[in-house]
Amino acid sequence: MPYSPILATLGYVFHPTEPKVLLVHRTARGAADAHHGKYNGLGGKLERDEDIVAGLKRELLEEAGLTATALHLAGTISWPGFGKHGEDWFGFLFRITQFTGEAIATNDEGTLHWVPIADVPALPLWEGDKFFLPLIFDPSARPFHGVMPYSGGRPTGWSFAQL
């Protein structure tokens, strides 16, 4: 059977002068939201006629009021079984190092926060984030391509290669 995942972007916006990253605290959609209570980067599903960079830029503008002017592909992750009903997801993860605009305080998903990078591991995150976030937060890391299968809302493995 061919692999037909949902394509998505996930971007981590880095503060221009401080070691902080912009995260959304997913609280606005209530307990029915699989992401409820978690902190996450910004992004979302790719639209049908949209390339990955355009999709990330659209999501960043919609979710944070920011226009990315410098972004770098940090890596990709295949998340088989990640969706609420076991759907497969494939994400393109970016570092956003320059932008214009001022981050909005809230969006349809929750509140936005500039979080010190050192504090991120202590936040409520997806359990699997601890495996790939060090690769996102290390600006010298080579692009990575990983697979993180999920079952019952939890990761069951993690493997990756770097170019």
N, C-alpha and C. Protein backbone atom coordinates (compact mmCIF):
# COMPACT_ATOMS: atom_id res chain seq x y z
N MET A 1 0.85 -1.18 0.00
CA MET A 1 0.00 0.00 0.00
C MET A 1 0.90 1.24 0.00
N PRO A 2 0.63 2.20 -0.86
CA PRO A 2 1.46 3.42 -0.91
C PRO A 2 1.29 4.26 0.35
N TYR A 3 2.37 4.90 0.71
CA TYR A 3 2.37 5.78 1.87
C TYR A 3 1.80 7.13 1.45
N SER A 4 0.70 7.53 2.04
CA SER A 4 0.02 8.78 1.67
C SER A 4 -0.22 9.63 2.92
N PRO A 5 0.84 10.17 3.51
CA PRO A 5 0.67 10.94 4.75
C PRO A 5 0.08 12.32 4.50
N ILE A 6 -0.42 12.91 5.57
CA ILE A 6 -0.81 14.32 5.58
C ILE A 6 0.48 15.12 5.62
N LEU A 7 0.65 16.06 4.71
CA LEU A 7 1.86 16.89 4.67
C LEU A 7 1.67 18.14 5.50
N ALA A 8 2.70 18.45 6.29
CA ALA A 8 2.58 19.59 7.19
C ALA A 8 3.93 20.28 7.37
N THR A 9 3.86 21.49 7.90
CA THR A 9 5.05 22.25 8.24
C THR A 9 5.07 22.47 9.75
N LEU A 10 6.25 22.63 10.28
CA LEU A 10 6.42 22.95 11.69
C LEU A 10 7.63 23.87 11.78
N GLY A 11 7.39 25.11 12.22
CA GLY A 11 8.45 26.10 12.26
C GLY A 11 8.76 26.57 13.67
N TYR A 12 10.05 26.79 13.90
CA TYR A 12 10.52 27.31 15.17
C TYR A 12 11.17 28.66 14.91
N VAL A 13 10.52 29.71 15.43
CA VAL A 13 10.96 31.09 15.22
C VAL A 13 11.90 31.47 16.35
N PHE A 14 13.12 31.88 15.99
CA PHE A 14 14.12 32.24 16.98
C PHE A 14 14.14 33.75 17.17
N HIS A 15 14.18 34.17 18.43
CA HIS A 15 14.22 35.59 18.78
C HIS A 15 15.49 36.21 18.18
N PRO A 16 15.40 37.44 17.68
CA PRO A 16 16.56 38.04 17.01
C PRO A 16 17.73 38.40 17.93
N THR A 17 17.49 38.61 19.22
CA THR A 17 18.58 39.06 20.10
C THR A 17 18.76 38.22 21.36
N GLU A 18 17.84 37.33 21.65
CA GLU A 18 17.90 36.54 22.88
C GLU A 18 17.77 35.06 22.54
N PRO A 19 18.29 34.16 23.39
CA PRO A 19 18.16 32.72 23.12
C PRO A 19 16.76 32.22 23.49
N LYS A 20 15.79 32.64 22.69
CA LYS A 20 14.39 32.28 22.91
C LYS A 20 13.78 31.79 21.61
N VAL A 21 12.70 31.02 21.73
CA VAL A 21 11.96 30.51 20.59
C VAL A 21 10.48 30.80 20.82
N LEU A 22 9.77 31.10 19.74
CA LEU A 22 8.34 31.41 19.82
C LEU A 22 7.54 30.11 19.74
N LEU A 23 6.73 29.86 20.78
CA LEU A 23 5.90 28.66 20.82
C LEU A 23 4.46 29.04 21.08
N VAL A 24 3.56 28.19 20.62
CA VAL A 24 2.15 28.36 20.92
C VAL A 24 1.79 27.38 22.03
N HIS A 25 1.06 27.87 23.02
CA HIS A 25 0.54 27.02 24.09
C HIS A 25 -0.90 26.70 23.72
N ARG A 26 -1.15 25.47 23.32
CA ARG A 26 -2.43 25.06 22.74
C ARG A 26 -3.49 24.91 23.84
N THR A 27 -4.24 25.98 24.06
CA THR A 27 -5.27 25.98 25.10
C THR A 27 -6.64 26.43 24.60
N ALA A 28 -6.74 26.97 23.40
CA ALA A 28 -7.96 27.63 22.95
C ALA A 28 -9.04 26.68 22.44
N ARG A 29 -8.68 25.52 21.99
CA ARG A 29 -9.67 24.64 21.36
C ARG A 29 -10.26 23.61 22.31
N GLY A 30 -9.84 23.63 23.55
CA GLY A 30 -10.42 22.74 24.55
C GLY A 30 -9.83 21.34 24.53
N ALA A 31 -10.36 20.52 25.43
CA ALA A 31 -9.82 19.18 25.66
C ALA A 31 -9.96 18.25 24.45
N ALA A 32 -10.85 18.56 23.52
CA ALA A 32 -11.00 17.72 22.32
C ALA A 32 -9.80 17.86 21.38
N ASP A 33 -9.01 18.91 21.55
CA ASP A 33 -7.82 19.13 20.73
C ASP A 33 -6.74 18.17 21.21
N ALA A 34 -6.22 17.33 20.30
CA ALA A 34 -5.17 16.36 20.67
C ALA A 34 -3.93 17.07 21.19
N HIS A 35 -3.73 18.33 20.83
CA HIS A 35 -2.57 19.11 21.26
C HIS A 35 -2.84 19.91 22.55
N HIS A 36 -4.04 19.77 23.11
CA HIS A 36 -4.45 20.61 24.24
C HIS A 36 -3.43 20.59 25.37
N GLY A 37 -3.05 21.80 25.80
CA GLY A 37 -2.13 21.96 26.92
C GLY A 37 -0.66 21.88 26.55
N LYS A 38 -0.36 21.47 25.32
CA LYS A 38 1.03 21.31 24.91
C LYS A 38 1.56 22.60 24.27
N TYR A 39 2.87 22.76 24.36
CA TYR A 39 3.57 23.83 23.64
C TYR A 39 4.11 23.23 22.36
N ASN A 40 4.09 24.03 21.30
CA ASN A 40 4.54 23.53 20.02
C ASN A 40 5.04 24.69 19.16
N GLY A 41 5.76 24.34 18.11
CA GLY A 41 6.13 25.32 17.11
C GLY A 41 4.90 25.72 16.32
N LEU A 42 5.10 26.52 15.29
CA LEU A 42 4.00 27.02 14.48
C LEU A 42 3.98 26.30 13.14
N GLY A 43 2.80 26.11 12.61
CA GLY A 43 2.71 25.45 11.30
C GLY A 43 1.38 24.76 11.16
N GLY A 44 1.30 23.90 10.17
CA GLY A 44 0.05 23.19 9.93
C GLY A 44 0.06 22.47 8.61
N LYS A 45 -1.11 22.03 8.22
CA LYS A 45 -1.28 21.24 7.00
C LYS A 45 -0.98 22.07 5.75
N LEU A 46 -0.38 21.40 4.80
CA LEU A 46 -0.11 22.00 3.50
C LEU A 46 -1.40 22.03 2.68
N GLU A 47 -1.65 23.12 1.98
CA GLU A 47 -2.81 23.20 1.10
C GLU A 47 -2.47 22.57 -0.24
N ARG A 48 -3.47 22.18 -0.99
CA ARG A 48 -3.33 21.38 -2.21
C ARG A 48 -2.33 21.94 -3.22
N ASP A 49 -2.39 23.21 -3.54
CA ASP A 49 -1.53 23.79 -4.58
C ASP A 49 -0.42 24.66 -3.98
N GLU A 50 0.12 24.25 -2.85
CA GLU A 50 1.07 25.07 -2.12
C GLU A 50 2.39 24.31 -1.96
N ASP A 51 3.51 25.02 -2.17
CA ASP A 51 4.79 24.38 -1.87
C ASP A 51 5.07 24.50 -0.38
N ILE A 52 6.04 23.76 0.10
CA ILE A 52 6.32 23.69 1.53
C ILE A 52 6.70 25.06 2.12
N VAL A 53 7.54 25.81 1.43
CA VAL A 53 7.96 27.11 1.94
C VAL A 53 6.77 28.07 1.99
N ALA A 54 5.96 28.09 0.94
CA ALA A 54 4.77 28.94 0.93
C ALA A 54 3.82 28.53 2.06
N GLY A 55 3.70 27.23 2.30
CA GLY A 55 2.82 26.75 3.37
C GLY A 55 3.30 27.21 4.74
N LEU A 56 4.59 27.11 4.98
CA LEU A 56 5.12 27.57 6.27
C LEU A 56 4.93 29.07 6.43
N LYS A 57 5.24 29.83 5.37
CA LYS A 57 5.08 31.29 5.46
C LYS A 57 3.62 31.67 5.71
N ARG A 58 2.69 30.99 5.05
CA ARG A 58 1.27 31.26 5.27
C ARG A 58 0.89 30.97 6.71
N GLU A 59 1.29 29.81 7.21
CA GLU A 59 0.96 29.43 8.59
C GLU A 59 1.57 30.41 9.59
N LEU A 60 2.79 30.82 9.37
CA LEU A 60 3.46 31.74 10.28
C LEU A 60 2.74 33.09 10.32
N LEU A 61 2.31 33.56 9.16
CA LEU A 61 1.57 34.82 9.11
C LEU A 61 0.21 34.68 9.80
N GLU A 62 -0.50 33.57 9.51
CA GLU A 62 -1.81 33.35 10.13
C GLU A 62 -1.71 33.16 11.64
N GLU A 63 -0.74 32.39 12.09
CA GLU A 63 -0.68 32.00 13.50
C GLU A 63 0.08 32.98 14.39
N ALA A 64 1.00 33.77 13.79
CA ALA A 64 1.82 34.64 14.64
C ALA A 64 1.88 36.08 14.15
N GLY A 65 1.37 36.37 12.95
CA GLY A 65 1.46 37.73 12.41
C GLY A 65 2.85 38.08 11.93
N LEU A 66 3.68 37.07 11.66
CA LEU A 66 5.06 37.29 11.24
C LEU A 66 5.27 36.86 9.79
N THR A 67 6.18 37.57 9.12
CA THR A 67 6.59 37.21 7.76
C THR A 67 8.03 36.73 7.82
N ALA A 68 8.24 35.46 7.49
CA ALA A 68 9.59 34.89 7.52
C ALA A 68 10.41 35.49 6.38
N THR A 69 11.62 35.97 6.72
CA THR A 69 12.53 36.50 5.69
C THR A 69 13.79 35.66 5.58
N ALA A 70 14.04 34.80 6.57
CA ALA A 70 15.15 33.84 6.49
C ALA A 70 14.71 32.57 7.21
N LEU A 71 14.61 31.49 6.45
CA LEU A 71 14.23 30.22 7.04
C LEU A 71 15.11 29.13 6.46
N HIS A 72 15.30 28.08 7.26
CA HIS A 72 16.20 27.00 6.88
C HIS A 72 15.52 25.68 7.21
N LEU A 73 15.56 24.76 6.26
CA LEU A 73 15.00 23.44 6.50
C LEU A 73 15.91 22.71 7.50
N ALA A 74 15.38 22.44 8.68
CA ALA A 74 16.14 21.73 9.71
C ALA A 74 16.06 20.22 9.48
N GLY A 75 14.91 19.77 8.96
CA GLY A 75 14.76 18.35 8.72
C GLY A 75 13.34 17.97 8.37
N THR A 76 13.14 16.68 8.26
CA THR A 76 11.81 16.13 8.00
C THR A 76 11.58 14.98 8.97
N ILE A 77 10.31 14.75 9.29
CA ILE A 77 9.95 13.62 10.13
C ILE A 77 8.70 12.97 9.56
N SER A 78 8.77 11.66 9.43
CA SER A 78 7.59 10.86 9.11
C SER A 78 7.02 10.36 10.43
N TRP A 79 5.73 10.65 10.66
CA TRP A 79 5.05 10.23 11.88
C TRP A 79 3.93 9.26 11.53
N PRO A 80 4.23 8.00 11.21
CA PRO A 80 3.14 7.06 10.93
C PRO A 80 2.30 6.83 12.19
N GLY A 81 0.98 6.90 12.03
CA GLY A 81 0.06 6.66 13.13
C GLY A 81 -0.13 7.82 14.09
N PHE A 82 0.38 9.00 13.76
CA PHE A 82 0.34 10.14 14.67
C PHE A 82 -1.06 10.75 14.84
N GLY A 83 -1.86 10.75 13.80
CA GLY A 83 -3.15 11.45 13.82
C GLY A 83 -4.12 10.88 14.84
N LYS A 84 -5.15 11.69 15.14
CA LYS A 84 -6.16 11.31 16.14
C LYS A 84 -6.78 9.95 15.83
N HIS A 85 -6.91 9.63 14.56
CA HIS A 85 -7.48 8.36 14.14
C HIS A 85 -6.43 7.46 13.49
N GLY A 86 -5.18 7.65 13.88
CA GLY A 86 -4.10 6.83 13.36
C GLY A 86 -3.56 7.26 12.01
N GLU A 87 -3.92 8.47 11.56
CA GLU A 87 -3.43 8.95 10.26
C GLU A 87 -1.91 9.13 10.32
N ASP A 88 -1.30 8.99 9.16
CA ASP A 88 0.13 9.22 9.01
C ASP A 88 0.37 10.69 8.69
N TRP A 89 1.42 11.26 9.25
CA TRP A 89 1.81 12.65 9.00
C TRP A 89 3.25 12.68 8.54
N PHE A 90 3.57 13.66 7.72
CA PHE A 90 4.95 13.89 7.30
C PHE A 90 5.21 15.38 7.43
N GLY A 91 6.17 15.75 8.28
CA GLY A 91 6.42 17.15 8.56
C GLY A 91 7.75 17.66 8.05
N PHE A 92 7.74 18.88 7.58
CA PHE A 92 8.93 19.61 7.16
C PHE A 92 9.20 20.63 8.26
N LEU A 93 10.33 20.49 8.95
CA LEU A 93 10.63 21.31 10.12
C LEU A 93 11.65 22.38 9.76
N PHE A 94 11.35 23.60 10.17
CA PHE A 94 12.15 24.76 9.79
C PHE A 94 12.64 25.54 11.00
N ARG A 95 13.79 26.17 10.83
CA ARG A 95 14.27 27.21 11.74
C ARG A 95 14.01 28.54 11.04
N ILE A 96 13.32 29.45 11.70
CA ILE A 96 13.08 30.79 11.17
C ILE A 96 13.99 31.72 11.95
N THR A 97 14.97 32.29 11.28
CA THR A 97 15.99 33.09 11.96
C THR A 97 15.84 34.60 11.73
N GLN A 98 15.01 34.97 10.76
CA GLN A 98 14.72 36.38 10.54
C GLN A 98 13.28 36.51 10.10
N PHE A 99 12.66 37.61 10.53
CA PHE A 99 11.25 37.83 10.20
C PHE A 99 10.95 39.31 10.34
N THR A 100 9.82 39.70 9.78
CA THR A 100 9.31 41.04 10.00
C THR A 100 7.97 40.92 10.70
N GLY A 101 7.58 41.99 11.37
CA GLY A 101 6.33 42.00 12.11
C GLY A 101 6.58 41.77 13.59
N GLU A 102 5.52 41.86 14.34
CA GLU A 102 5.55 41.65 15.78
C GLU A 102 4.60 40.51 16.10
N ALA A 103 5.08 39.55 16.86
CA ALA A 103 4.25 38.38 17.18
C ALA A 103 2.99 38.80 17.92
N ILE A 104 1.87 38.25 17.47
CA ILE A 104 0.60 38.50 18.15
C ILE A 104 0.58 37.72 19.46
N ALA A 105 -0.32 38.07 20.37
CA ALA A 105 -0.38 37.44 21.69
C ALA A 105 -1.14 36.12 21.67
N THR A 106 -2.20 36.05 20.85
CA THR A 106 -3.04 34.85 20.81
C THR A 106 -3.48 34.57 19.39
N ASN A 107 -3.87 33.32 19.17
CA ASN A 107 -4.49 32.94 17.89
C ASN A 107 -5.59 31.92 18.18
N ASP A 108 -6.12 31.30 17.15
CA ASP A 108 -7.23 30.35 17.33
C ASP A 108 -6.84 29.10 18.10
N GLU A 109 -5.54 28.87 18.28
CA GLU A 109 -5.08 27.67 18.95
C GLU A 109 -4.66 27.91 20.40
N GLY A 110 -4.25 29.15 20.72
CA GLY A 110 -3.82 29.43 22.08
C GLY A 110 -3.01 30.70 22.16
N THR A 111 -2.15 30.76 23.17
CA THR A 111 -1.32 31.94 23.39
C THR A 111 0.10 31.69 22.91
N LEU A 112 0.73 32.76 22.41
CA LEU A 112 2.11 32.66 21.94
C LEU A 112 3.05 33.19 23.01
N HIS A 113 4.19 32.52 23.14
CA HIS A 113 5.16 32.87 24.17
C HIS A 113 6.58 32.78 23.61
N TRP A 114 7.40 33.78 23.93
CA TRP A 114 8.84 33.69 23.68
C TRP A 114 9.42 32.94 24.88
N VAL A 115 9.88 31.73 24.64
CA VAL A 115 10.35 30.86 25.72
C VAL A 115 11.87 30.72 25.63
N PRO A 116 12.58 30.90 26.75
CA PRO A 116 14.02 30.62 26.72
C PRO A 116 14.25 29.17 26.27
N ILE A 117 15.15 28.99 25.33
CA ILE A 117 15.39 27.65 24.79
C ILE A 117 15.74 26.65 25.89
N ALA A 118 16.49 27.09 26.89
CA ALA A 118 16.87 26.20 27.99
C ALA A 118 15.66 25.71 28.80
N ASP A 119 14.54 26.47 28.76
CA ASP A 119 13.34 26.09 29.52
C ASP A 119 12.39 25.18 28.74
N VAL A 120 12.58 25.05 27.45
CA VAL A 120 11.64 24.29 26.62
C VAL A 120 11.48 22.84 27.09
N PRO A 121 12.54 22.10 27.43
CA PRO A 121 12.35 20.70 27.83
C PRO A 121 11.44 20.50 29.04
N ALA A 122 11.31 21.50 29.89
CA ALA A 122 10.47 21.38 31.09
C ALA A 122 8.99 21.66 30.81
N LEU A 123 8.67 22.13 29.61
CA LEU A 123 7.28 22.44 29.27
C LEU A 123 6.51 21.18 28.91
N PRO A 124 5.18 21.23 28.98
CA PRO A 124 4.40 20.11 28.47
C PRO A 124 4.49 20.10 26.93
N LEU A 125 5.14 19.07 26.41
CA LEU A 125 5.38 18.91 24.97
C LEU A 125 4.86 17.55 24.54
N TRP A 126 4.79 17.33 23.24
CA TRP A 126 4.58 15.97 22.76
C TRP A 126 5.77 15.15 23.24
N GLU A 127 5.51 13.94 23.67
CA GLU A 127 6.56 13.08 24.21
C GLU A 127 7.72 12.90 23.23
N GLY A 128 7.43 12.82 21.95
CA GLY A 128 8.47 12.61 20.96
C GLY A 128 9.32 13.84 20.65
N ASP A 129 8.87 15.03 21.06
CA ASP A 129 9.63 16.25 20.76
C ASP A 129 11.03 16.22 21.36
N LYS A 130 11.20 15.55 22.48
CA LYS A 130 12.51 15.53 23.14
C LYS A 130 13.58 14.88 22.25
N PHE A 131 13.16 14.08 21.29
CA PHE A 131 14.13 13.42 20.42
C PHE A 131 14.66 14.35 19.32
N PHE A 132 13.78 15.19 18.77
CA PHE A 132 14.23 16.00 17.63
C PHE A 132 14.51 17.47 17.97
N LEU A 133 13.98 17.98 19.08
CA LEU A 133 14.21 19.40 19.39
C LEU A 133 15.69 19.75 19.54
N PRO A 134 16.54 18.88 20.11
CA PRO A 134 17.96 19.24 20.13
C PRO A 134 18.54 19.49 18.73
N LEU A 135 18.02 18.81 17.72
CA LEU A 135 18.47 19.03 16.34
C LEU A 135 17.95 20.35 15.79
N ILE A 136 16.78 20.77 16.26
CA ILE A 136 16.22 22.06 15.83
C ILE A 136 16.97 23.20 16.49
N PHE A 137 17.26 23.05 17.79
CA PHE A 137 17.85 24.14 18.56
C PHE A 137 19.35 24.29 18.36
N ASP A 138 19.98 23.35 17.66
CA ASP A 138 21.41 23.44 17.36
C ASP A 138 21.57 24.02 15.95
N PRO A 139 21.91 25.30 15.82
CA PRO A 139 21.98 25.91 14.49
C PRO A 139 23.07 25.31 13.60
N SER A 140 24.01 24.58 14.19
CA SER A 140 25.06 23.97 13.37
C SER A 140 24.72 22.54 12.95
N ALA A 141 23.58 22.02 13.42
CA ALA A 141 23.19 20.65 13.07
C ALA A 141 22.88 20.55 11.57
N ARG A 142 23.34 19.46 10.99
CA ARG A 142 23.03 19.20 9.58
C ARG A 142 21.56 18.80 9.45
N PRO A 143 20.96 18.99 8.29
CA PRO A 143 19.56 18.57 8.11
C PRO A 143 19.40 17.08 8.45
N PHE A 144 18.30 16.77 9.10
CA PHE A 144 18.02 15.39 9.49
C PHE A 144 16.72 14.93 8.85
N HIS A 145 16.60 13.62 8.74
CA HIS A 145 15.38 13.02 8.19
C HIS A 145 15.06 11.83 9.07
N GLY A 146 13.94 11.93 9.78
CA GLY A 146 13.62 10.93 10.78
C GLY A 146 12.28 10.25 10.57
N VAL A 147 12.13 9.17 11.33
CA VAL A 147 10.87 8.42 11.38
C VAL A 147 10.55 8.20 12.85
N MET A 148 9.32 8.57 13.23
CA MET A 148 8.86 8.40 14.60
C MET A 148 7.46 7.80 14.59
N PRO A 149 7.37 6.47 14.58
CA PRO A 149 6.05 5.85 14.59
C PRO A 149 5.31 6.15 15.90
N TYR A 150 4.00 6.30 15.80
CA TYR A 150 3.14 6.53 16.96
C TYR A 150 2.09 5.42 17.04
N SER A 151 1.72 5.12 18.27
CA SER A 151 0.61 4.20 18.53
C SER A 151 -0.05 4.65 19.83
N GLY A 152 -1.35 4.82 19.80
CA GLY A 152 -2.07 5.25 21.00
C GLY A 152 -1.63 6.60 21.53
N GLY A 153 -1.22 7.50 20.63
CA GLY A 153 -0.82 8.84 21.03
C GLY A 153 0.59 8.94 21.60
N ARG A 154 1.37 7.87 21.49
CA ARG A 154 2.74 7.88 22.03
C ARG A 154 3.72 7.36 20.98
N PRO A 155 4.95 7.90 20.99
CA PRO A 155 5.95 7.40 20.05
C PRO A 155 6.39 5.99 20.44
N THR A 156 6.62 5.16 19.42
CA THR A 156 7.08 3.79 19.67
C THR A 156 8.51 3.58 19.18
N GLY A 157 9.09 4.62 18.60
CA GLY A 157 10.46 4.53 18.12
C GLY A 157 10.92 5.85 17.56
N TRP A 158 12.22 5.94 17.27
CA TRP A 158 12.80 7.14 16.68
C TRP A 158 14.10 6.73 16.02
N SER A 159 14.22 7.05 14.75
CA SER A 159 15.48 6.88 14.04
C SER A 159 15.62 8.04 13.07
N PHE A 160 16.86 8.42 12.79
CA PHE A 160 17.07 9.51 11.85
C PHE A 160 18.45 9.39 11.23
N ALA A 161 18.58 10.04 10.11
CA ALA A 161 19.86 10.16 9.42
C ALA A 161 20.09 11.64 9.16
N GLN A 162 21.36 12.02 9.14
CA GLN A 162 21.71 13.41 8.81
C GLN A 162 22.49 13.42 7.52
N LEU A 163 22.28 14.46 6.72
CA LEU A 163 22.98 14.58 5.45
C LEU A 163 24.36 15.17 5.66
